[in-house]
PDB file of N, CA and C in Angstrom:
ATOM      1  N   MET A   1     -10.180   1.282   7.082  1.00  0.00           N
ATOM      2  CA  MET A   1      -9.255   0.423   6.387  1.00  0.00           C
ATOM      3  C   MET A   1      -9.353  -0.996   6.928  1.00  0.00           C
ATOM      4  N   ASN A   2      -9.143  -1.948   6.051  1.00  0.00           N
ATOM      5  CA  ASN A   2      -9.173  -3.360   6.407  1.00  0.00           C
ATOM      6  C   ASN A   2      -7.978  -4.066   5.801  1.00  0.00           C
ATOM      7  N   LEU A   3      -7.623  -5.201   6.391  1.00  0.00           N
ATOM      8  CA  LEU A   3      -6.640  -6.092   5.783  1.00  0.00           C
ATOM      9  C   LEU A   3      -7.397  -7.206   5.093  1.00  0.00           C
ATOM     10  N   GLU A   4      -6.946  -7.583   3.929  1.00  0.00           N
ATOM     11  CA  GLU A   4      -7.607  -8.612   3.131  1.00  0.00           C
ATOM     12  C   GLU A   4      -6.562  -9.582   2.601  1.00  0.00           C
ATOM     13  N   PHE A   5      -6.808 -10.881   2.746  1.00  0.00           N
ATOM     14  CA  PHE A   5      -5.926 -11.905   2.195  1.00  0.00           C
ATOM     15  C   PHE A   5      -6.530 -12.402   0.890  1.00  0.00           C
ATOM     16  N   ILE A   6      -5.721 -12.436  -0.166  1.00  0.00           N
ATOM     17  CA  ILE A   6      -6.185 -12.997  -1.432  1.00  0.00           C
ATOM     18  C   ILE A   6      -5.127 -13.932  -2.007  1.00  0.00           C
ATOM     19  N   GLU A   7      -5.584 -14.856  -2.807  1.00  0.00           N
ATOM     20  CA  GLU A   7      -4.712 -15.688  -3.626  1.00  0.00           C
ATOM     21  C   GLU A   7      -5.010 -15.292  -5.058  1.00  0.00           C
ATOM     22  N   LEU A   8      -3.965 -15.109  -5.835  1.00  0.00           N
ATOM     23  CA  LEU A   8      -4.120 -14.534  -7.164  1.00  0.00           C
ATOM     24  C   LEU A   8      -3.167 -15.196  -8.132  1.00  0.00           C
ATOM     25  N   ASP A   9      -3.618 -15.432  -9.346  1.00  0.00           N
ATOM     26  CA  ASP A   9      -2.763 -15.931 -10.421  1.00  0.00           C
ATOM     27  C   ASP A   9      -2.578 -14.820 -11.439  1.00  0.00           C
ATOM     28  N   LEU A  10      -1.342 -14.549 -11.802  1.00  0.00           N
ATOM     29  CA  LEU A  10      -1.022 -13.563 -12.835  1.00  0.00           C
ATOM     30  C   LEU A  10      -0.313 -14.248 -13.985  1.00  0.00           C
ATOM     31  N   VAL A  11      -0.601 -13.800 -15.190  1.00  0.00           N
ATOM     32  CA  VAL A  11       0.147 -14.281 -16.350  1.00  0.00           C
ATOM     33  C   VAL A  11       1.459 -13.517 -16.403  1.00  0.00           C
ATOM     34  N   TRP A  12       2.557 -14.235 -16.525  1.00  0.00           N
ATOM     35  CA  TRP A  12       3.879 -13.628 -16.651  1.00  0.00           C
ATOM     36  C   TRP A  12       4.101 -13.338 -18.129  1.00  0.00           C
ATOM     37  N   PRO A  13       4.066 -12.053 -18.535  1.00  0.00           N
ATOM     38  CA  PRO A  13       4.270 -11.725 -19.949  1.00  0.00           C
ATOM     39  C   PRO A  13       5.625 -12.236 -20.439  1.00  0.00           C
ATOM     40  N   SER A  14       5.635 -12.854 -21.597  1.00  0.00           N
ATOM     41  CA  SER A  14       6.862 -13.474 -22.114  1.00  0.00           C
ATOM     42  C   SER A  14       7.980 -12.460 -22.360  1.00  0.00           C
ATOM     43  N   LYS A  15       7.631 -11.213 -22.613  1.00  0.00           N
ATOM     44  CA  LYS A  15       8.644 -10.183 -22.872  1.00  0.00           C
ATOM     45  C   LYS A  15       9.223  -9.589 -21.590  1.00  0.00           C
ATOM     46  N   LEU A  16       8.666  -9.971 -20.437  1.00  0.00           N
ATOM     47  CA  LEU A  16       9.080  -9.400 -19.161  1.00  0.00           C
ATOM     48  C   LEU A  16      10.204 -10.236 -18.552  1.00  0.00           C
ATOM     49  N   GLY A  17      11.341  -9.601 -18.318  1.00  0.00           N
ATOM     50  CA  GLY A  17      12.493 -10.278 -17.723  1.00  0.00           C
ATOM     51  C   GLY A  17      12.347 -10.434 -16.229  1.00  0.00           C
ATOM     52  N   ILE A  18      13.169 -11.284 -15.666  1.00  0.00           N
ATOM     53  CA  ILE A  18      13.126 -11.582 -14.235  1.00  0.00           C
ATOM     54  C   ILE A  18      13.379 -10.330 -13.381  1.00  0.00           C
ATOM     55  N   PHE A  19      14.220  -9.413 -13.858  1.00  0.00           N
ATOM     56  CA  PHE A  19      14.543  -8.225 -13.077  1.00  0.00           C
ATOM     57  C   PHE A  19      13.410  -7.203 -13.055  1.00  0.00           C
ATOM     58  N   ASP A  20      12.450  -7.325 -13.964  1.00  0.00           N
ATOM     59  CA  ASP A  20      11.293  -6.428 -13.992  1.00  0.00           C
ATOM     60  C   ASP A  20      10.065  -7.053 -13.346  1.00  0.00           C
ATOM     61  N   LEU A  21      10.188  -8.270 -12.873  1.00  0.00           N
ATOM     62  CA  LEU A  21       9.041  -9.005 -12.347  1.00  0.00           C
ATOM     63  C   LEU A  21       8.452  -8.354 -11.094  1.00  0.00           C
ATOM     64  N   LYS A  22       9.290  -7.897 -10.184  1.00  0.00           N
ATOM     65  CA  LYS A  22       8.799  -7.283  -8.944  1.00  0.00           C
ATOM     66  C   LYS A  22       7.940  -6.059  -9.238  1.00  0.00           C
ATOM     67  N   ASP A  23       8.400  -5.179 -10.116  1.00  0.00           N
ATOM     68  CA  ASP A  23       7.631  -3.982 -10.453  1.00  0.00           C
ATOM     69  C   ASP A  23       6.306  -4.345 -11.118  1.00  0.00           C
ATOM     70  N   TYR A  24       6.329  -5.366 -11.969  1.00  0.00           N
ATOM     71  CA  TYR A  24       5.106  -5.820 -12.632  1.00  0.00           C
ATOM     72  C   TYR A  24       4.094  -6.340 -11.603  1.00  0.00           C
ATOM     73  N   ILE A  25       4.550  -7.182 -10.683  1.00  0.00           N
ATOM     74  CA  ILE A  25       3.655  -7.742  -9.667  1.00  0.00           C
ATOM     75  C   ILE A  25       3.063  -6.632  -8.807  1.00  0.00           C
ATOM     76  N   LEU A  26       3.896  -5.710  -8.343  1.00  0.00           N
ATOM     77  CA  LEU A  26       3.394  -4.615  -7.499  1.00  0.00           C
ATOM     78  C   LEU A  26       2.384  -3.746  -8.235  1.00  0.00           C
ATOM     79  N   SER A  27       2.615  -3.472  -9.509  1.00  0.00           N
ATOM     80  CA  SER A  27       1.658  -2.657 -10.261  1.00  0.00           C
ATOM     81  C   SER A  27       0.327  -3.384 -10.423  1.00  0.00           C
ATOM     82  N   GLU A  28       0.358  -4.703 -10.590  1.00  0.00           N
ATOM     83  CA  GLU A  28      -0.880  -5.473 -10.695  1.00  0.00           C
ATOM     84  C   GLU A  28      -1.610  -5.532  -9.354  1.00  0.00           C
ATOM     85  N   LEU A  29      -0.867  -5.681  -8.262  1.00  0.00           N
ATOM     86  CA  LEU A  29      -1.488  -5.768  -6.942  1.00  0.00           C
ATOM     87  C   LEU A  29      -2.147  -4.460  -6.531  1.00  0.00           C
ATOM     88  N   LYS A  30      -1.590  -3.348  -6.956  1.00  0.00           N
ATOM     89  CA  LYS A  30      -2.150  -2.048  -6.580  1.00  0.00           C
ATOM     90  C   LYS A  30      -3.537  -1.822  -7.176  1.00  0.00           C
ATOM     91  N   LYS A  31      -3.932  -2.643  -8.135  1.00  0.00           N
ATOM     92  CA  LYS A  31      -5.294  -2.576  -8.680  1.00  0.00           C
ATOM     93  C   LYS A  31      -6.314  -3.046  -7.644  1.00  0.00           C
ATOM     94  N   TYR A  32      -5.863  -3.842  -6.670  1.00  0.00           N
ATOM     95  CA  TYR A  32      -6.748  -4.405  -5.656  1.00  0.00           C
ATOM     96  C   TYR A  32      -6.673  -3.674  -4.326  1.00  0.00           C
ATOM     97  N   GLY A  33      -5.566  -2.998  -4.064  1.00  0.00           N
ATOM     98  CA  GLY A  33      -5.346  -2.310  -2.798  1.00  0.00           C
ATOM     99  C   GLY A  33      -3.855  -2.074  -2.618  1.00  0.00           C
ATOM    100  N   GLU A  34      -3.480  -1.672  -1.418  1.00  0.00           N
ATOM    101  CA  GLU A  34      -2.062  -1.419  -1.128  1.00  0.00           C
ATOM    102  C   GLU A  34      -1.432  -2.690  -0.581  1.00  0.00           C
ATOM    103  N   PRO A  35      -0.465  -3.292  -1.310  1.00  0.00           N
ATOM    104  CA  PRO A  35       0.141  -4.531  -0.830  1.00  0.00           C
ATOM    105  C   PRO A  35       0.937  -4.317   0.456  1.00  0.00           C
ATOM    106  N   LEU A  36       0.615  -5.106   1.469  1.00  0.00           N
ATOM    107  CA  LEU A  36       1.361  -5.063   2.720  1.00  0.00           C
ATOM    108  C   LEU A  36       2.447  -6.141   2.702  1.00  0.00           C
ATOM    109  N   ARG A  37       2.047  -7.366   2.359  1.00  0.00           N
ATOM    110  CA  ARG A  37       2.979  -8.484   2.208  1.00  0.00           C
ATOM    111  C   ARG A  37       2.491  -9.333   1.056  1.00  0.00           C
ATOM    112  N   TRP A  38       3.451  -9.900   0.341  1.00  0.00           N
ATOM    113  CA  TRP A  38       3.077 -10.810  -0.738  1.00  0.00           C
ATOM    114  C   TRP A  38       4.187 -11.819  -0.949  1.00  0.00           C
ATOM    115  N   ALA A  39       3.795 -12.963  -1.505  1.00  0.00           N
ATOM    116  CA  ALA A  39       4.768 -14.022  -1.771  1.00  0.00           C
ATOM    117  C   ALA A  39       4.358 -14.770  -3.035  1.00  0.00           C
ATOM    118  N   ILE A  40       5.360 -15.117  -3.822  1.00  0.00           N
ATOM    119  CA  ILE A  40       5.135 -16.004  -4.961  1.00  0.00           C
ATOM    120  C   ILE A  40       5.128 -17.420  -4.399  1.00  0.00           C
ATOM    121  N   THR A  41       4.026 -18.134  -4.615  1.00  0.00           N
ATOM    122  CA  THR A  41       3.937 -19.495  -4.086  1.00  0.00           C
ATOM    123  C   THR A  41       4.249 -20.550  -5.142  1.00  0.00           C
ATOM    124  N   SER A  42       4.089 -20.191  -6.424  1.00  0.00           N
ATOM    125  CA  SER A  42       4.483 -21.117  -7.484  1.00  0.00           C
ATOM    126  C   SER A  42       4.509 -20.400  -8.828  1.00  0.00           C
ATOM    127  N   VAL A  43       5.251 -20.990  -9.741  1.00  0.00           N
ATOM    128  CA  VAL A  43       5.271 -20.552 -11.136  1.00  0.00           C
ATOM    129  C   VAL A  43       4.994 -21.802 -11.965  1.00  0.00           C
ATOM    130  N   THR A  44       3.935 -21.741 -12.764  1.00  0.00           N
ATOM    131  CA  THR A  44       3.513 -22.890 -13.554  1.00  0.00           C
ATOM    132  C   THR A  44       3.625 -22.554 -15.029  1.00  0.00           C
ATOM    133  N   THR A  45       4.241 -23.453 -15.783  1.00  0.00           N
ATOM    134  CA  THR A  45       4.375 -23.275 -17.224  1.00  0.00           C
ATOM    135  C   THR A  45       3.318 -24.111 -17.925  1.00  0.00           C
ATOM    136  N   HIS A  46       2.556 -23.464 -18.794  1.00  0.00           N
ATOM    137  CA  HIS A  46       1.569 -24.139 -19.629  1.00  0.00           C
ATOM    138  C   HIS A  46       2.105 -24.109 -21.055  1.00  0.00           C
ATOM    139  N   SER A  47       2.806 -25.160 -21.426  1.00  0.00           N
ATOM    140  CA  SER A  47       3.495 -25.174 -22.719  1.00  0.00           C
ATOM    141  C   SER A  47       2.533 -25.139 -23.899  1.00  0.00           C
ATOM    142  N   GLU A  48       1.343 -25.752 -23.750  1.00  0.00           N
ATOM    143  CA  GLU A  48       0.403 -25.738 -24.861  1.00  0.00           C
ATOM    144  C   GLU A  48      -0.140 -24.334 -25.138  1.00  0.00           C
ATOM    145  N   LYS A  49      -0.238 -23.518 -24.093  1.00  0.00           N
ATOM    146  CA  LYS A  49      -0.696 -22.133 -24.259  1.00  0.00           C
ATOM    147  C   LYS A  49       0.471 -21.155 -24.353  1.00  0.00           C
ATOM    148  N   LYS A  50       1.684 -21.652 -24.127  1.00  0.00           N
ATOM    149  CA  LYS A  50       2.902 -20.841 -24.152  1.00  0.00           C
ATOM    150  C   LYS A  50       2.840 -19.677 -23.156  1.00  0.00           C
ATOM    151  N   ILE A  51       2.340 -19.975 -21.952  1.00  0.00           N
ATOM    152  CA  ILE A  51       2.286 -18.952 -20.901  1.00  0.00           C
ATOM    153  C   ILE A  51       2.838 -19.520 -19.602  1.00  0.00           C
ATOM    154  N   GLN A  52       3.226 -18.603 -18.714  1.00  0.00           N
ATOM    155  CA  GLN A  52       3.606 -18.954 -17.354  1.00  0.00           C
ATOM    156  C   GLN A  52       2.667 -18.220 -16.412  1.00  0.00           C
ATOM    157  N   LEU A  53       2.168 -18.927 -15.408  1.00  0.00           N
ATOM    158  CA  LEU A  53       1.316 -18.331 -14.394  1.00  0.00           C
ATOM    159  C   LEU A  53       2.088 -18.208 -13.095  1.00  0.00           C
ATOM    160  N   ILE A  54       1.982 -17.050 -12.477  1.00  0.00           N
ATOM    161  CA  ILE A  54       2.600 -16.791 -11.177  1.00  0.00           C
ATOM    162  C   ILE A  54       1.477 -16.825 -10.147  1.00  0.00           C
ATOM    163  N   SER A  55       1.580 -17.717  -9.182  1.00  0.00           N
ATOM    164  CA  SER A  55       0.593 -17.780  -8.100  1.00  0.00           C
ATOM    165  C   SER A  55       1.125 -16.979  -6.924  1.00  0.00           C
ATOM    166  N   LEU A  56       0.258 -16.140  -6.380  1.00  0.00           N
ATOM    167  CA  LEU A  56       0.641 -15.246  -5.288  1.00  0.00           C
ATOM    168  C   LEU A  56      -0.299 -15.397  -4.110  1.00  0.00           C
ATOM    169  N   GLU A  57       0.238 -15.196  -2.918  1.00  0.00           N
ATOM    170  CA  GLU A  57      -0.554 -14.988  -1.713  1.00  0.00           C
ATOM    171  C   GLU A  57      -0.258 -13.569  -1.263  1.00  0.00           C
ATOM    172  N   VAL A  58      -1.313 -12.804  -0.996  1.00  0.00           N
ATOM    173  CA  VAL A  58      -1.155 -11.363  -0.773  1.00  0.00           C
ATOM    174  C   VAL A  58      -1.993 -10.908   0.414  1.00  0.00           C
ATOM    175  N   VAL A  59      -1.409 -10.051   1.236  1.00  0.00           N
ATOM    176  CA  VAL A  59      -2.164  -9.323   2.246  1.00  0.00           C
ATOM    177  C   VAL A  59      -2.206  -7.881   1.781  1.00  0.00           C
ATOM    178  N   LEU A  60      -3.430  -7.376   1.627  1.00  0.00           N
ATOM    179  CA  LEU A  60      -3.638  -6.019   1.118  1.00  0.00           C
ATOM    180  C   LEU A  60      -4.250  -5.130   2.183  1.00  0.00           C
ATOM    181  N   ILE A  61      -3.885  -3.852   2.140  1.00  0.00           N
ATOM    182  CA  ILE A  61      -4.589  -2.838   2.911  1.00  0.00           C
ATOM    183  C   ILE A  61      -5.663  -2.296   1.980  1.00  0.00           C
ATOM    184  N   ILE A  62      -6.918  -2.436   2.399  1.00  0.00           N
ATOM    185  CA  ILE A  62      -8.038  -2.066   1.546  1.00  0.00           C
ATOM    186  C   ILE A  62      -8.730  -0.836   2.115  1.00  0.00           C
ATOM    187  N   ASN A  63      -8.833   0.212   1.296  1.00  0.00           N
ATOM    188  CA  ASN A  63      -9.704   1.329   1.628  1.00  0.00           C
ATOM    189  C   ASN A  63     -11.118   0.872   1.359  1.00  0.00           C
ATOM    190  N   GLN A  64     -12.063   1.355   2.089  1.00  0.00           N
ATOM    191  CA  GLN A  64     -13.435   0.898   1.916  1.00  0.00           C
ATOM    192  C   GLN A  64     -13.952   1.147   0.505  1.00  0.00           C
ATOM    193  N   ASP A  65     -13.563   2.234  -0.137  1.00  0.00           N
ATOM    194  CA  ASP A  65     -14.009   2.527  -1.493  1.00  0.00           C
ATOM    195  C   ASP A  65     -13.407   1.552  -2.492  1.00  0.00           C
ATOM    196  N   LYS A  66     -12.097   1.240  -2.348  1.00  0.00           N
ATOM    197  CA  LYS A  66     -11.390   0.385  -3.295  1.00  0.00           C
ATOM    198  C   LYS A  66     -11.742  -1.080  -3.124  1.00  0.00           C
ATOM    199  N   GLY A  67     -12.106  -1.468  -1.906  1.00  0.00           N
ATOM    200  CA  GLY A  67     -12.312  -2.872  -1.620  1.00  0.00           C
ATOM    201  C   GLY A  67     -13.620  -3.439  -2.099  1.00  0.00           C
ATOM    202  N   LYS A  68     -14.542  -2.602  -2.528  1.00  0.00           N
ATOM    203  CA  LYS A  68     -15.828  -3.095  -2.974  1.00  0.00           C
ATOM    204  C   LYS A  68     -15.663  -3.951  -4.213  1.00  0.00           C
ATOM    205  N   GLY A  69     -16.254  -5.120  -4.179  1.00  0.00           N
ATOM    206  CA  GLY A  69     -16.198  -5.994  -5.325  1.00  0.00           C
ATOM    207  C   GLY A  69     -15.016  -6.937  -5.345  1.00  0.00           C
ATOM    208  N   ILE A  70     -14.145  -6.880  -4.333  1.00  0.00           N
ATOM    209  CA  ILE A  70     -13.003  -7.796  -4.317  1.00  0.00           C
ATOM    210  C   ILE A  70     -13.439  -9.122  -3.706  1.00  0.00           C
ATOM    211  N   ASN A  71     -13.019 -10.191  -4.319  1.00  0.00           N
ATOM    212  CA  ASN A  71     -13.323 -11.526  -3.818  1.00  0.00           C
ATOM    213  C   ASN A  71     -12.079 -12.054  -3.135  1.00  0.00           C
ATOM    214  N   SER A  72     -12.164 -12.353  -1.847  1.00  0.00           N
ATOM    215  CA  SER A  72     -10.983 -12.762  -1.094  1.00  0.00           C
ATOM    216  C   SER A  72     -10.522 -14.181  -1.425  1.00  0.00           C
ATOM    217  N   GLU A  73     -11.253 -14.883  -2.264  1.00  0.00           N
ATOM    218  CA  GLU A  73     -10.848 -16.232  -2.640  1.00  0.00           C
ATOM    219  C   GLU A  73     -10.564 -16.323  -4.133  1.00  0.00           C
ATOM    220  N   LEU A  74      -9.909 -15.311  -4.677  1.00  0.00           N
ATOM    221  CA  LEU A  74      -9.522 -15.335  -6.087  1.00  0.00           C
ATOM    222  C   LEU A  74      -8.473 -16.389  -6.288  1.00  0.00           C
ATOM    223  N   SER A  75      -8.511 -17.057  -7.406  1.00  0.00           N
ATOM    224  CA  SER A  75      -7.441 -18.015  -7.718  1.00  0.00           C
ATOM    225  C   SER A  75      -7.336 -18.229  -9.199  1.00  0.00           C
TER     226      SER A  75
END
């Protein structure tokens, strides 16, 4: 097992309320590994595209099988 730091941007689905945001973020992070710590560093609104981007900093526990192909400098 390894620890991996990544920066990640997620699109905040417009139908997703603030109270469901934590579950959404955790489900997305589990695609990369087991989240140990994470923080929202910014939320950016792109009005022309009608989307909001959530920027995250994440420390993941990576199994060697799951970690293949992950780029630690995602943004």
